[in-house]
């Protein structure tokens, strides 16, 4: 299974991510430009592994069992140097007929959270 999505040439400030049951299954190549972390490093990990501890409550609803819908929250994500950068996390989560959640997320780099 392919684990990255190729960008369109120039560096991007947007990273796309696909989740299945809370784990990352696919990440766009822009993650290297945005965070300094290769997309393959995220594959197989829980999405919460790289979310700042103070922001975990913001993503909790998105990960609740049985919840489906759209989501938009500013969160801090870990960078390769161990620091944190703000991203606007937007996505859609669905639940399949067997009750398994899947999601497509978009992380856009932002300077600071919206007020």
C-alpha atoms as a PDB file:
ATOM      1  CA  UNK A   1       0.000   0.000   0.000  1.00  0.00           C
ATOM      2  CA  UNK A   2       1.296   3.443  -0.907  1.00  0.00           C
ATOM      3  CA  UNK A   3       1.780   5.667   2.161  1.00  0.00           C
ATOM      4  CA  UNK A   4       2.313   9.104   0.598  1.00  0.00           C
ATOM      5  CA  UNK A   5       0.519  11.473  -1.739  1.00  0.00           C
ATOM      6  CA  UNK A   6       2.814  13.433  -4.061  1.00  0.00           C
ATOM      7  CA  UNK A   7       2.602  17.232  -4.152  1.00  0.00           C
ATOM      8  CA  UNK A   8       2.446  19.338  -7.279  1.00  0.00           C
ATOM      9  CA  UNK A   9       5.977  20.730  -7.382  1.00  0.00           C
ATOM     10  CA  UNK A  10       6.407  23.776  -5.144  1.00  0.00           C
ATOM     11  CA  UNK A  11       6.509  23.500  -1.337  1.00  0.00           C
ATOM     12  CA  UNK A  12       3.075  23.481   0.230  1.00  0.00           C
ATOM     13  CA  UNK A  13       1.762  24.717   3.558  1.00  0.00           C
ATOM     14  CA  UNK A  14      -1.005  22.103   3.469  1.00  0.00           C
ATOM     15  CA  UNK A  15      -0.659  18.477   4.534  1.00  0.00           C
ATOM     16  CA  UNK A  16      -3.334  15.907   3.754  1.00  0.00           C
ATOM     17  CA  UNK A  17      -3.735  12.874   5.973  1.00  0.00           C
ATOM     18  CA  UNK A  18      -5.988   9.819   5.896  1.00  0.00           C
ATOM     19  CA  UNK A  19      -6.931   7.989   9.090  1.00  0.00           C
ATOM     20  CA  UNK A  20      -8.458   4.606   9.691  1.00  0.00           C
ATOM     21  CA  UNK A  21      -9.599   3.816  13.234  1.00  0.00           C
ATOM     22  CA  UNK A  22      -7.533   6.741  14.600  1.00  0.00           C
ATOM     23  CA  UNK A  23      -4.241   5.694  12.975  1.00  0.00           C
ATOM     24  CA  UNK A  24      -2.533   7.480  10.119  1.00  0.00           C
ATOM     25  CA  UNK A  25      -2.604   5.432   6.911  1.00  0.00           C
ATOM     26  CA  UNK A  26      -1.610   7.990   4.254  1.00  0.00           C
ATOM     27  CA  UNK A  27       0.194  11.373   4.377  1.00  0.00           C
ATOM     28  CA  UNK A  28       0.984  13.871   1.625  1.00  0.00           C
ATOM     29  CA  UNK A  29       4.619  14.568   0.771  1.00  0.00           C
ATOM     30  CA  UNK A  30       4.134  18.185   1.948  1.00  0.00           C
ATOM     31  CA  UNK A  31       4.660  16.994   5.535  1.00  0.00           C
ATOM     32  CA  UNK A  32       8.404  17.194   4.907  1.00  0.00           C
ATOM     33  CA  UNK A  33       8.124  20.861   3.818  1.00  0.00           C
ATOM     34  CA  UNK A  34       5.747  21.807   6.639  1.00  0.00           C
ATOM     35  CA  UNK A  35       7.130  19.898   9.633  1.00  0.00           C
ATOM     36  CA  UNK A  36      10.491  18.539   8.548  1.00  0.00           C
ATOM     37  CA  UNK A  37       9.157  15.018   9.138  1.00  0.00           C
ATOM     38  CA  UNK A  38       8.921  12.513   6.280  1.00  0.00           C
ATOM     39  CA  UNK A  39       5.378  11.282   5.573  1.00  0.00           C
ATOM     40  CA  UNK A  40       6.373   7.664   6.184  1.00  0.00           C
ATOM     41  CA  UNK A  41       7.225   8.493   9.813  1.00  0.00           C
ATOM     42  CA  UNK A  42       3.548   9.207  10.540  1.00  0.00           C
ATOM     43  CA  UNK A  43       2.100   6.074   8.944  1.00  0.00           C
ATOM     44  CA  UNK A  44       0.787   3.588  11.492  1.00  0.00           C
ATOM     45  CA  UNK A  45       0.863   6.043  14.393  1.00  0.00           C
ATOM     46  CA  UNK A  46      -2.151   7.388  16.299  1.00  0.00           C
ATOM     47  CA  UNK A  47      -3.004  10.885  15.056  1.00  0.00           C
ATOM     48  CA  UNK A  48      -2.767  12.134  18.657  1.00  0.00           C
ATOM     49  CA  UNK A  49       0.950  11.204  18.927  1.00  0.00           C
ATOM     50  CA  UNK A  50       1.972  14.511  17.331  1.00  0.00           C
ATOM     51  CA  UNK A  51      -0.697  16.791  18.852  1.00  0.00           C
ATOM     52  CA  UNK A  52       0.398  19.139  21.665  1.00  0.00           C
ATOM     53  CA  UNK A  53      -0.884  17.827  25.042  1.00  0.00           C
ATOM     54  CA  UNK A  54      -2.784  21.079  25.675  1.00  0.00           C
ATOM     55  CA  UNK A  55      -4.652  20.619  22.379  1.00  0.00           C
ATOM     56  CA  UNK A  56      -5.730  16.994  22.842  1.00  0.00           C
ATOM     57  CA  UNK A  57      -9.094  18.117  24.235  1.00  0.00           C
ATOM     58  CA  UNK A  58      -9.732  19.999  20.969  1.00  0.00           C
ATOM     59  CA  UNK A  59      -9.461  16.796  18.948  1.00  0.00           C
ATOM     60  CA  UNK A  60     -11.213  14.535  21.484  1.00  0.00           C
ATOM     61  CA  UNK A  61     -14.665  14.966  19.885  1.00  0.00           C
ATOM     62  CA  UNK A  62     -13.229  14.030  16.514  1.00  0.00           C
ATOM     63  CA  UNK A  63     -12.046  10.705  17.951  1.00  0.00           C
ATOM     64  CA  UNK A  64     -15.133   9.789  20.021  1.00  0.00           C
ATOM     65  CA  UNK A  65     -16.549   6.348  19.208  1.00  0.00           C
ATOM     66  CA  UNK A  66     -19.500   6.574  16.857  1.00  0.00           C
ATOM     67  CA  UNK A  67     -19.055  10.292  16.089  1.00  0.00           C
ATOM     68  CA  UNK A  68     -19.145  11.339  12.420  1.00  0.00           C
ATOM     69  CA  UNK A  69     -19.131  14.760  10.807  1.00  0.00           C
ATOM     70  CA  UNK A  70     -16.907  17.652   9.862  1.00  0.00           C
ATOM     71  CA  UNK A  71     -14.301  19.186  12.116  1.00  0.00           C
ATOM     72  CA  UNK A  72     -12.229  22.399  12.215  1.00  0.00           C
ATOM     73  CA  UNK A  73      -9.887  23.324  15.068  1.00  0.00           C
ATOM     74  CA  UNK A  74      -6.511  25.043  15.469  1.00  0.00           C
ATOM     75  CA  UNK A  75      -3.946  22.661  16.989  1.00  0.00           C
ATOM     76  CA  UNK A  76      -0.221  22.595  17.615  1.00  0.00           C
ATOM     77  CA  UNK A  77       1.666  19.765  15.947  1.00  0.00           C
ATOM     78  CA  UNK A  78       5.188  18.545  16.588  1.00  0.00           C
ATOM     79  CA  UNK A  79       7.968  19.526  14.182  1.00  0.00           C
ATOM     80  CA  UNK A  80      11.173  17.604  13.435  1.00  0.00           C
ATOM     81  CA  UNK A  81      13.163  19.835  15.826  1.00  0.00           C
ATOM     82  CA  UNK A  82      10.824  18.897  18.709  1.00  0.00           C
ATOM     83  CA  UNK A  83       9.087  22.283  18.695  1.00  0.00           C
ATOM     84  CA  UNK A  84       5.411  22.973  18.046  1.00  0.00           C
ATOM     85  CA  UNK A  85       3.754  24.848  15.164  1.00  0.00           C
ATOM     86  CA  UNK A  86       0.143  25.899  14.730  1.00  0.00           C
ATOM     87  CA  UNK A  87      -1.985  24.208  12.074  1.00  0.00           C
ATOM     88  CA  UNK A  88      -5.656  24.545  11.223  1.00  0.00           C
ATOM     89  CA  UNK A  89      -6.948  20.977  11.325  1.00  0.00           C
ATOM     90  CA  UNK A  90     -10.003  20.414   9.141  1.00  0.00           C
ATOM     91  CA  UNK A  91     -11.536  17.126   8.256  1.00  0.00           C
ATOM     92  CA  UNK A  92     -14.434  14.809   7.766  1.00  0.00           C
ATOM     93  CA  UNK A  93     -14.954  11.576   9.679  1.00  0.00           C
ATOM     94  CA  UNK A  94     -17.281   8.812   8.587  1.00  0.00           C
ATOM     95  CA  UNK A  95     -18.339   5.522  10.138  1.00  0.00           C
ATOM     96  CA  UNK A  96     -18.678   2.488   7.862  1.00  0.00           C
ATOM     97  CA  UNK A  97     -21.439  -0.142   8.077  1.00  0.00           C
ATOM     98  CA  UNK A  98     -19.300  -2.198  10.483  1.00  0.00           C
ATOM     99  CA  UNK A  99     -18.796   0.777  12.818  1.00  0.00           C
ATOM    100  CA  UNK A 100     -15.175   1.484  11.826  1.00  0.00           C
ATOM    101  CA  UNK A 101     -14.219   5.185  11.630  1.00  0.00           C
ATOM    102  CA  UNK A 102     -12.206   6.690   8.774  1.00  0.00           C
ATOM    103  CA  UNK A 103     -11.238  10.291   8.138  1.00  0.00           C
ATOM    104  CA  UNK A 104      -9.574  12.648   5.713  1.00  0.00           C
ATOM    105  CA  UNK A 105      -7.761  15.558   7.347  1.00  0.00           C
ATOM    106  CA  UNK A 106      -6.201  18.740   6.022  1.00  0.00           C
ATOM    107  CA  UNK A 107      -3.561  20.551   8.092  1.00  0.00           C
ATOM    108  CA  UNK A 108      -2.770  24.093   6.976  1.00  0.00           C
ATOM    109  CA  UNK A 109       0.137  25.907   8.566  1.00  0.00           C
ATOM    110  CA  UNK A 110      -0.973  29.083  10.365  1.00  0.00           C
ATOM    111  CA  UNK A 111       1.039  31.698  12.317  1.00  0.00           C
ATOM    112  CA  UNK A 112      -1.231  31.611  15.364  1.00  0.00           C
ATOM    113  CA  UNK A 113      -4.691  30.366  16.268  1.00  0.00           C
ATOM    114  CA  UNK A 114      -7.653  32.472  15.195  1.00  0.00           C
ATOM    115  CA  UNK A 115      -9.096  34.525  18.033  1.00  0.00           C
END
